[in-house]
Amino acid sequence: MSWGMETPLKYTREEIADMLSKLEDEETYGIVLRTKGVVPSADGSWIEFDYVPGEADVREGAADVTGKFCVIGSELKQDNLQKLFRRL
């Protein structure tokens, strides 16, 4: 199963790293096997990221049209994923 979202919201590298670390909580988010994406940064650059359980890579990335998150796993809790990445 996969879940994705586009967003114009701006993030910091710290926010993305914190969000990715929360994906370890299977009860809240489901079994996350991989997450990747690119989002605009608060400083005008772009942040690219990849996550697999136990390892996150957050780095400066190439510009895109809009921010994107893609989560791959099973029993994903889509409402909770949306709340996490939209910062609700």
PDB file of N, CA and C in Angstrom:
ATOM      1  N   MET A   1       0.840  -1.170   0.000  1.00  0.00           N
ATOM      2  CA  MET A   1       0.000   0.000   0.000  1.00  0.00           C
ATOM      3  C   MET A   1       0.888   1.236   0.000  1.00  0.00           C
ATOM      4  N   SER A   2       0.441   2.273  -0.670  1.00  0.00           N
ATOM      5  CA  SER A   2       1.183   3.531  -0.634  1.00  0.00           C
ATOM      6  C   SER A   2       0.230   4.686  -0.391  1.00  0.00           C
ATOM      7  N   TRP A   3       0.764   5.743   0.176  1.00  0.00           N
ATOM      8  CA  TRP A   3       0.015   6.954   0.463  1.00  0.00           C
ATOM      9  C   TRP A   3       0.881   8.121   0.046  1.00  0.00           C
ATOM     10  N   GLY A   4       0.276   9.130  -0.557  1.00  0.00           N
ATOM     11  CA  GLY A   4       1.038  10.290  -0.979  1.00  0.00           C
ATOM     12  C   GLY A   4       0.271  11.573  -0.753  1.00  0.00           C
ATOM     13  N   MET A   5       1.008  12.657  -0.751  1.00  0.00           N
ATOM     14  CA  MET A   5       0.421  13.965  -0.521  1.00  0.00           C
ATOM     15  C   MET A   5       1.296  15.022  -1.182  1.00  0.00           C
ATOM     16  N   GLU A   6       0.654  16.030  -1.762  1.00  0.00           N
ATOM     17  CA  GLU A   6       1.368  17.197  -2.256  1.00  0.00           C
ATOM     18  C   GLU A   6       1.095  18.344  -1.296  1.00  0.00           C
ATOM     19  N   THR A   7       2.070  19.233  -1.148  1.00  0.00           N
ATOM     20  CA  THR A   7       1.888  20.350  -0.230  1.00  0.00           C
ATOM     21  C   THR A   7       2.729  21.553  -0.640  1.00  0.00           C
ATOM     22  N   PRO A   8       2.190  22.747  -0.468  1.00  0.00           N
ATOM     23  CA  PRO A   8       2.984  23.958  -0.680  1.00  0.00           C
ATOM     24  C   PRO A   8       3.660  24.434   0.609  1.00  0.00           C
ATOM     25  N   LEU A   9       3.404  23.745   1.745  1.00  0.00           N
ATOM     26  CA  LEU A   9       3.958  24.160   3.033  1.00  0.00           C
ATOM     27  C   LEU A   9       5.483  24.118   3.018  1.00  0.00           C
ATOM     28  N   LYS A  10       6.099  25.021   3.765  1.00  0.00           N
ATOM     29  CA  LYS A  10       7.556  25.063   3.887  1.00  0.00           C
ATOM     30  C   LYS A  10       7.960  24.419   5.208  1.00  0.00           C
ATOM     31  N   TYR A  11       9.078  23.702   5.181  1.00  0.00           N
ATOM     32  CA  TYR A  11       9.555  22.945   6.330  1.00  0.00           C
ATOM     33  C   TYR A  11      11.017  23.280   6.596  1.00  0.00           C
ATOM     34  N   THR A  12      11.496  22.874   7.768  1.00  0.00           N
ATOM     35  CA  THR A  12      12.928  22.934   8.063  1.00  0.00           C
ATOM     36  C   THR A  12      13.457  21.495   8.050  1.00  0.00           C
ATOM     37  N   ARG A  13      14.758  21.352   7.936  1.00  0.00           N
ATOM     38  CA  ARG A  13      15.352  20.005   7.964  1.00  0.00           C
ATOM     39  C   ARG A  13      15.058  19.316   9.293  1.00  0.00           C
ATOM     40  N   GLU A  14      15.068  20.099  10.367  1.00  0.00           N
ATOM     41  CA  GLU A  14      14.792  19.539  11.697  1.00  0.00           C
ATOM     42  C   GLU A  14      13.366  19.003  11.780  1.00  0.00           C
ATOM     43  N   GLU A  15      12.405  19.757  11.219  1.00  0.00           N
ATOM     44  CA  GLU A  15      11.008  19.295  11.230  1.00  0.00           C
ATOM     45  C   GLU A  15      10.865  17.972  10.476  1.00  0.00           C
ATOM     46  N   ILE A  16      11.494  17.887   9.313  1.00  0.00           N
ATOM     47  CA  ILE A  16      11.399  16.658   8.509  1.00  0.00           C
ATOM     48  C   ILE A  16      12.040  15.499   9.266  1.00  0.00           C
ATOM     49  N   ALA A  17      13.217  15.705   9.846  1.00  0.00           N
ATOM     50  CA  ALA A  17      13.885  14.636  10.602  1.00  0.00           C
ATOM     51  C   ALA A  17      13.006  14.179  11.769  1.00  0.00           C
ATOM     52  N   ASP A  18      12.369  15.115  12.454  1.00  0.00           N
ATOM     53  CA  ASP A  18      11.487  14.775  13.571  1.00  0.00           C
ATOM     54  C   ASP A  18      10.280  13.982  13.083  1.00  0.00           C
ATOM     55  N   MET A  19       9.682  14.399  11.980  1.00  0.00           N
ATOM     56  CA  MET A  19       8.524  13.685  11.417  1.00  0.00           C
ATOM     57  C   MET A  19       8.904  12.258  11.037  1.00  0.00           C
ATOM     58  N   LEU A  20      10.051  12.104  10.402  1.00  0.00           N
ATOM     59  CA  LEU A  20      10.483  10.772   9.970  1.00  0.00           C
ATOM     60  C   LEU A  20      10.736   9.864  11.172  1.00  0.00           C
ATOM     61  N   SER A  21      11.279  10.411  12.248  1.00  0.00           N
ATOM     62  CA  SER A  21      11.540   9.593  13.431  1.00  0.00           C
ATOM     63  C   SER A  21      10.237   9.080  14.047  1.00  0.00           C
ATOM     64  N   LYS A  22       9.166   9.822  13.918  1.00  0.00           N
ATOM     65  CA  LYS A  22       7.875   9.410  14.473  1.00  0.00           C
ATOM     66  C   LYS A  22       7.275   8.230  13.723  1.00  0.00           C
ATOM     67  N   LEU A  23       7.717   7.979  12.497  1.00  0.00           N
ATOM     68  CA  LEU A  23       7.170   6.876  11.702  1.00  0.00           C
ATOM     69  C   LEU A  23       7.495   5.505  12.280  1.00  0.00           C
ATOM     70  N   GLU A  24       8.391   5.446  13.265  1.00  0.00           N
ATOM     71  CA  GLU A  24       8.699   4.180  13.935  1.00  0.00           C
ATOM     72  C   GLU A  24       7.498   3.665  14.737  1.00  0.00           C
ATOM     73  N   ASP A  25       6.540   4.542  15.049  1.00  0.00           N
ATOM     74  CA  ASP A  25       5.363   4.201  15.852  1.00  0.00           C
ATOM     75  C   ASP A  25       4.323   3.509  14.971  1.00  0.00           C
ATOM     76  N   GLU A  26       4.411   2.170  14.889  1.00  0.00           N
ATOM     77  CA  GLU A  26       3.511   1.398  14.026  1.00  0.00           C
ATOM     78  C   GLU A  26       2.056   1.499  14.455  1.00  0.00           C
ATOM     79  N   GLU A  27       1.820   1.630  15.739  1.00  0.00           N
ATOM     80  CA  GLU A  27       0.439   1.711  16.226  1.00  0.00           C
ATOM     81  C   GLU A  27      -0.246   2.977  15.706  1.00  0.00           C
ATOM     82  N   THR A  28       0.510   4.058  15.598  1.00  0.00           N
ATOM     83  CA  THR A  28      -0.057   5.326  15.139  1.00  0.00           C
ATOM     84  C   THR A  28      -0.071   5.441  13.620  1.00  0.00           C
ATOM     85  N   TYR A  29       0.996   4.992  12.944  1.00  0.00           N
ATOM     86  CA  TYR A  29       1.150   5.248  11.514  1.00  0.00           C
ATOM     87  C   TYR A  29       1.074   4.019  10.621  1.00  0.00           C
ATOM     88  N   GLY A  30       1.035   2.832  11.181  1.00  0.00           N
ATOM     89  CA  GLY A  30       1.067   1.610  10.387  1.00  0.00           C
ATOM     90  C   GLY A  30       2.498   1.144  10.213  1.00  0.00           C
ATOM     91  N   ILE A  31       2.673   0.128   9.385  1.00  0.00           N
ATOM     92  CA  ILE A  31       4.009  -0.437   9.149  1.00  0.00           C
ATOM     93  C   ILE A  31       4.626   0.297   7.964  1.00  0.00           C
ATOM     94  N   VAL A  32       5.504   1.245   8.248  1.00  0.00           N
ATOM     95  CA  VAL A  32       6.124   2.070   7.210  1.00  0.00           C
ATOM     96  C   VAL A  32       7.419   1.398   6.765  1.00  0.00           C
ATOM     97  N   LEU A  33       7.487   1.045   5.484  1.00  0.00           N
ATOM     98  CA  LEU A  33       8.673   0.404   4.928  1.00  0.00           C
ATOM     99  C   LEU A  33       9.612   1.410   4.276  1.00  0.00           C
ATOM    100  N   ARG A  34       9.021   2.485   3.703  1.00  0.00           N
ATOM    101  CA  ARG A  34       9.842   3.496   3.040  1.00  0.00           C
ATOM    102  C   ARG A  34       9.048   4.781   2.925  1.00  0.00           C
ATOM    103  N   THR A  35       9.742   5.881   3.066  1.00  0.00           N
ATOM    104  CA  THR A  35       9.157   7.205   2.847  1.00  0.00           C
ATOM    105  C   THR A  35      10.178   8.020   2.077  1.00  0.00           C
ATOM    106  N   LYS A  36       9.691   8.793   1.125  1.00  0.00           N
ATOM    107  CA  LYS A  36      10.590   9.672   0.383  1.00  0.00           C
ATOM    108  C   LYS A  36       9.824  10.911  -0.032  1.00  0.00           C
ATOM    109  N   GLY A  37      10.559  11.938  -0.390  1.00  0.00           N
ATOM    110  CA  GLY A  37       9.896  13.137  -0.850  1.00  0.00           C
ATOM    111  C   GLY A  37      10.832  14.309  -0.994  1.00  0.00           C
ATOM    112  N   VAL A  38      10.223  15.418  -1.393  1.00  0.00           N
ATOM    113  CA  VAL A  38      10.929  16.688  -1.535  1.00  0.00           C
ATOM    114  C   VAL A  38       9.935  17.780  -1.165  1.00  0.00           C
ATOM    115  N   VAL A  39      10.397  18.737  -0.363  1.00  0.00           N
ATOM    116  CA  VAL A  39       9.533  19.829   0.082  1.00  0.00           C
ATOM    117  C   VAL A  39      10.316  21.134   0.076  1.00  0.00           C
ATOM    118  N   PRO A  40       9.599  22.260  -0.070  1.00  0.00           N
ATOM    119  CA  PRO A  40      10.291  23.553   0.008  1.00  0.00           C
ATOM    120  C   PRO A  40      10.747  23.831   1.437  1.00  0.00           C
ATOM    121  N   SER A  41      11.882  24.495   1.539  1.00  0.00           N
ATOM    122  CA  SER A  41      12.441  24.848   2.845  1.00  0.00           C
ATOM    123  C   SER A  41      12.065  26.279   3.198  1.00  0.00           C
ATOM    124  N   ALA A  42      12.035  26.565   4.473  1.00  0.00           N
ATOM    125  CA  ALA A  42      11.735  27.908   4.953  1.00  0.00           C
ATOM    126  C   ALA A  42      12.759  28.930   4.449  1.00  0.00           C
ATOM    127  N   ASP A  43      13.984  28.473   4.109  1.00  0.00           N
ATOM    128  CA  ASP A  43      15.025  29.403   3.652  1.00  0.00           C
ATOM    129  C   ASP A  43      15.065  29.575   2.133  1.00  0.00           C
ATOM    130  N   GLY A  44      14.090  29.000   1.412  1.00  0.00           N
ATOM    131  CA  GLY A  44      14.030  29.166  -0.043  1.00  0.00           C
ATOM    132  C   GLY A  44      14.643  28.028  -0.838  1.00  0.00           C
ATOM    133  N   SER A  45      15.394  27.143  -0.188  1.00  0.00           N
ATOM    134  CA  SER A  45      15.945  25.982  -0.894  1.00  0.00           C
ATOM    135  C   SER A  45      14.918  24.846  -0.842  1.00  0.00           C
ATOM    136  N   TRP A  46      15.330  23.646  -1.201  1.00  0.00           N
ATOM    137  CA  TRP A  46      14.449  22.476  -1.158  1.00  0.00           C
ATOM    138  C   TRP A  46      15.098  21.392  -0.313  1.00  0.00           C
ATOM    139  N   ILE A  47      14.269  20.615   0.365  1.00  0.00           N
ATOM    140  CA  ILE A  47      14.722  19.529   1.221  1.00  0.00           C
ATOM    141  C   ILE A  47      14.275  18.213   0.594  1.00  0.00           C
ATOM    142  N   GLU A  48      15.215  17.316   0.402  1.00  0.00           N
ATOM    143  CA  GLU A  48      14.923  15.981  -0.122  1.00  0.00           C
ATOM    144  C   GLU A  48      15.167  14.984   1.008  1.00  0.00           C
ATOM    145  N   PHE A  49      14.353  13.930   1.078  1.00  0.00           N
ATOM    146  CA  PHE A  49      14.513  12.986   2.177  1.00  0.00           C
ATOM    147  C   PHE A  49      14.113  11.577   1.779  1.00  0.00           C
ATOM    148  N   ASP A  50      14.721  10.618   2.471  1.00  0.00           N
ATOM    149  CA  ASP A  50      14.420   9.193   2.335  1.00  0.00           C
ATOM    150  C   ASP A  50      14.396   8.608   3.737  1.00  0.00           C
ATOM    151  N   TYR A  51      13.532   7.619   3.944  1.00  0.00           N
ATOM    152  CA  TYR A  51      13.442   6.955   5.237  1.00  0.00           C
ATOM    153  C   TYR A  51      13.171   5.473   5.017  1.00  0.00           C
ATOM    154  N   VAL A  52      13.888   4.647   5.750  1.00  0.00           N
ATOM    155  CA  VAL A  52      13.573   3.233   5.929  1.00  0.00           C
ATOM    156  C   VAL A  52      13.667   3.022   7.438  1.00  0.00           C
ATOM    157  N   PRO A  53      12.989   2.022   7.990  1.00  0.00           N
ATOM    158  CA  PRO A  53      12.998   1.847   9.439  1.00  0.00           C
ATOM    159  C   PRO A  53      14.416   1.899  10.025  1.00  0.00           C
ATOM    160  N   GLY A  54      14.578   2.790  10.992  1.00  0.00           N
ATOM    161  CA  GLY A  54      15.858   2.929  11.665  1.00  0.00           C
ATOM    162  C   GLY A  54      16.855   3.849  10.994  1.00  0.00           C
ATOM    163  N   GLU A  55      16.530   4.381   9.817  1.00  0.00           N
ATOM    164  CA  GLU A  55      17.496   5.226   9.109  1.00  0.00           C
ATOM    165  C   GLU A  55      16.776   6.290   8.282  1.00  0.00           C
ATOM    166  N   ALA A  56      17.132   7.553   8.544  1.00  0.00           N
ATOM    167  CA  ALA A  56      16.573   8.672   7.789  1.00  0.00           C
ATOM    168  C   ALA A  56      17.712   9.472   7.169  1.00  0.00           C
ATOM    169  N   ASP A  57      17.495   9.951   5.950  1.00  0.00           N
ATOM    170  CA  ASP A  57      18.470  10.785   5.257  1.00  0.00           C
ATOM    171  C   ASP A  57      17.748  12.052   4.822  1.00  0.00           C
ATOM    172  N   VAL A  58      18.138  13.189   5.393  1.00  0.00           N
ATOM    173  CA  VAL A  58      17.532  14.482   5.077  1.00  0.00           C
ATOM    174  C   VAL A  58      18.645  15.363   4.521  1.00  0.00           C
ATOM    175  N   ARG A  59      18.454  15.901   3.319  1.00  0.00           N
ATOM    176  CA  ARG A  59      19.513  16.654   2.659  1.00  0.00           C
ATOM    177  C   ARG A  59      18.920  17.750   1.772  1.00  0.00           C
ATOM    178  N   GLU A  60      19.788  18.643   1.311  1.00  0.00           N
ATOM    179  CA  GLU A  60      19.337  19.657   0.358  1.00  0.00           C
ATOM    180  C   GLU A  60      19.063  18.967  -0.966  1.00  0.00           C
ATOM    181  N   GLY A  61      17.987  19.378  -1.637  1.00  0.00           N
ATOM    182  CA  GLY A  61      17.610  18.710  -2.876  1.00  0.00           C
ATOM    183  C   GLY A  61      17.334  19.683  -3.995  1.00  0.00           C
ATOM    184  N   ALA A  62      16.990  19.124  -5.132  1.00  0.00           N
ATOM    185  CA  ALA A  62      16.673  19.913  -6.319  1.00  0.00           C
ATOM    186  C   ALA A  62      15.249  20.448  -6.220  1.00  0.00           C
ATOM    187  N   ALA A  63      15.035  21.623  -6.783  1.00  0.00           N
ATOM    188  CA  ALA A  63      13.720  22.254  -6.772  1.00  0.00           C
ATOM    189  C   ALA A  63      12.700  21.414  -7.547  1.00  0.00           C
ATOM    190  N   ASP A  64      11.465  21.482  -7.096  1.00  0.00           N
ATOM    191  CA  ASP A  64      10.366  20.791  -7.757  1.00  0.00           C
ATOM    192  C   ASP A  64       9.205  21.775  -7.851  1.00  0.00           C
ATOM    193  N   VAL A  65       8.120  21.368  -8.493  1.00  0.00           N
ATOM    194  CA  VAL A  65       6.964  22.237  -8.661  1.00  0.00           C
ATOM    195  C   VAL A  65       6.244  22.452  -7.332  1.00  0.00           C
ATOM    196  N   THR A  66       6.072  21.383  -6.579  1.00  0.00           N
ATOM    197  CA  THR A  66       5.427  21.444  -5.273  1.00  0.00           C
ATOM    198  C   THR A  66       6.015  20.369  -4.375  1.00  0.00           C
ATOM    199  N   GLY A  67       5.810  20.515  -3.078  1.00  0.00           N
ATOM    200  CA  GLY A  67       6.315  19.525  -2.149  1.00  0.00           C
ATOM    201  C   GLY A  67       5.548  18.223  -2.263  1.00  0.00           C
ATOM    202  N   LYS A  68       6.239  17.091  -2.038  1.00  0.00           N
ATOM    203  CA  LYS A  68       5.624  15.770  -2.159  1.00  0.00           C
ATOM    204  C   LYS A  68       6.132  14.841  -1.074  1.00  0.00           C
ATOM    205  N   PHE A  69       5.211  14.061  -0.520  1.00  0.00           N
ATOM    206  CA  PHE A  69       5.531  12.985   0.407  1.00  0.00           C
ATOM    207  C   PHE A  69       4.992  11.695  -0.189  1.00  0.00           C
ATOM    208  N   CYS A  70       5.740  10.607  -0.084  1.00  0.00           N
ATOM    209  CA  CYS A  70       5.271   9.287  -0.512  1.00  0.00           C
ATOM    210  C   CYS A  70       5.667   8.291   0.572  1.00  0.00           C
ATOM    211  N   VAL A  71       4.671   7.556   1.086  1.00  0.00           N
ATOM    212  CA  VAL A  71       4.899   6.575   2.139  1.00  0.00           C
ATOM    213  C   VAL A  71       4.477   5.206   1.623  1.00  0.00           C
ATOM    214  N   ILE A  72       5.341   4.215   1.762  1.00  0.00           N
ATOM    215  CA  ILE A  72       5.062   2.855   1.320  1.00  0.00           C
ATOM    216  C   ILE A  72       5.095   1.949   2.542  1.00  0.00           C
ATOM    217  N   GLY A  73       4.092   1.092   2.672  1.00  0.00           N
ATOM    218  CA  GLY A  73       4.049   0.185   3.805  1.00  0.00           C
ATOM    219  C   GLY A  73       2.780  -0.634   3.790  1.00  0.00           C
ATOM    220  N   SER A  74       2.395  -1.145   4.943  1.00  0.00           N
ATOM    221  CA  SER A  74       1.148  -1.897   5.039  1.00  0.00           C
ATOM    222  C   SER A  74       0.372  -1.411   6.258  1.00  0.00           C
ATOM    223  N   GLU A  75      -0.928  -1.560   6.176  1.00  0.00           N
ATOM    224  CA  GLU A  75      -1.821  -1.117   7.247  1.00  0.00           C
ATOM    225  C   GLU A  75      -1.561   0.345   7.604  1.00  0.00           C
ATOM    226  N   LEU A  76      -1.260   1.174   6.579  1.00  0.00           N
ATOM    227  CA  LEU A  76      -0.963   2.581   6.821  1.00  0.00           C
ATOM    228  C   LEU A  76      -2.195   3.305   7.343  1.00  0.00           C
ATOM    229  N   LYS A  77      -1.995   4.138   8.319  1.00  0.00           N
ATOM    230  CA  LYS A  77      -3.078   4.943   8.902  1.00  0.00           C
ATOM    231  C   LYS A  77      -3.017   6.326   8.251  1.00  0.00           C
ATOM    232  N   GLN A  78      -3.725   6.434   7.126  1.00  0.00           N
ATOM    233  CA  GLN A  78      -3.618   7.610   6.268  1.00  0.00           C
ATOM    234  C   GLN A  78      -4.001   8.917   6.962  1.00  0.00           C
ATOM    235  N   ASP A  79      -5.029   8.895   7.798  1.00  0.00           N
ATOM    236  CA  ASP A  79      -5.430  10.118   8.509  1.00  0.00           C
ATOM    237  C   ASP A  79      -4.299  10.615   9.403  1.00  0.00           C
ATOM    238  N   ASN A  80      -3.639   9.711  10.112  1.00  0.00           N
ATOM    239  CA  ASN A  80      -2.540  10.100  10.996  1.00  0.00           C
ATOM    240  C   ASN A  80      -1.327  10.577  10.205  1.00  0.00           C
ATOM    241  N   LEU A  81      -1.053   9.948   9.063  1.00  0.00           N
ATOM    242  CA  LEU A  81       0.053  10.394   8.216  1.00  0.00           C
ATOM    243  C   LEU A  81      -0.210  11.817   7.722  1.00  0.00           C
ATOM    244  N   GLN A  82      -1.439  12.070   7.304  1.00  0.00           N
ATOM    245  CA  GLN A  82      -1.774  13.406   6.819  1.00  0.00           C
ATOM    246  C   GLN A  82      -1.629  14.445   7.927  1.00  0.00           C
ATOM    247  N   LYS A  83      -2.072  14.115   9.132  1.00  0.00           N
ATOM    248  CA  LYS A  83      -1.932  15.048  10.259  1.00  0.00           C
ATOM    249  C   LYS A  83      -0.461  15.324  10.555  1.00  0.00           C
ATOM    250  N   LEU A  84       0.358  14.282  10.514  1.00  0.00           N
ATOM    251  CA  LEU A  84       1.793  14.443  10.799  1.00  0.00           C
ATOM    252  C   LEU A  84       2.443  15.382   9.785  1.00  0.00           C
ATOM    253  N   PHE A  85       2.272  15.113   8.504  1.00  0.00           N
ATOM    254  CA  PHE A  85       2.970  15.882   7.476  1.00  0.00           C
ATOM    255  C   PHE A  85       2.356  17.246   7.203  1.00  0.00           C
ATOM    256  N   ARG A  86       1.098  17.427   7.530  1.00  0.00           N
ATOM    257  CA  ARG A  86       0.482  18.766   7.404  1.00  0.00           C
ATOM    258  C   ARG A  86       0.648  19.582   8.679  1.00  0.00           C
ATOM    259  N   ARG A  87       1.237  18.978   9.701  1.00  0.00           N
ATOM    260  CA  ARG A  87       1.487  19.629  10.991  1.00  0.00           C
ATOM    261  C   ARG A  87       0.190  20.076  11.650  1.00  0.00           C
ATOM    262  N   LEU A  88      -0.814  19.198  11.625  1.00  0.00           N
ATOM    263  CA  LEU A  88      -2.103  19.528  12.246  1.00  0.00           C
ATOM    264  C   LEU A  88      -2.144  19.082  13.690  1.00  0.00           C
TER     265      LEU A  88
END
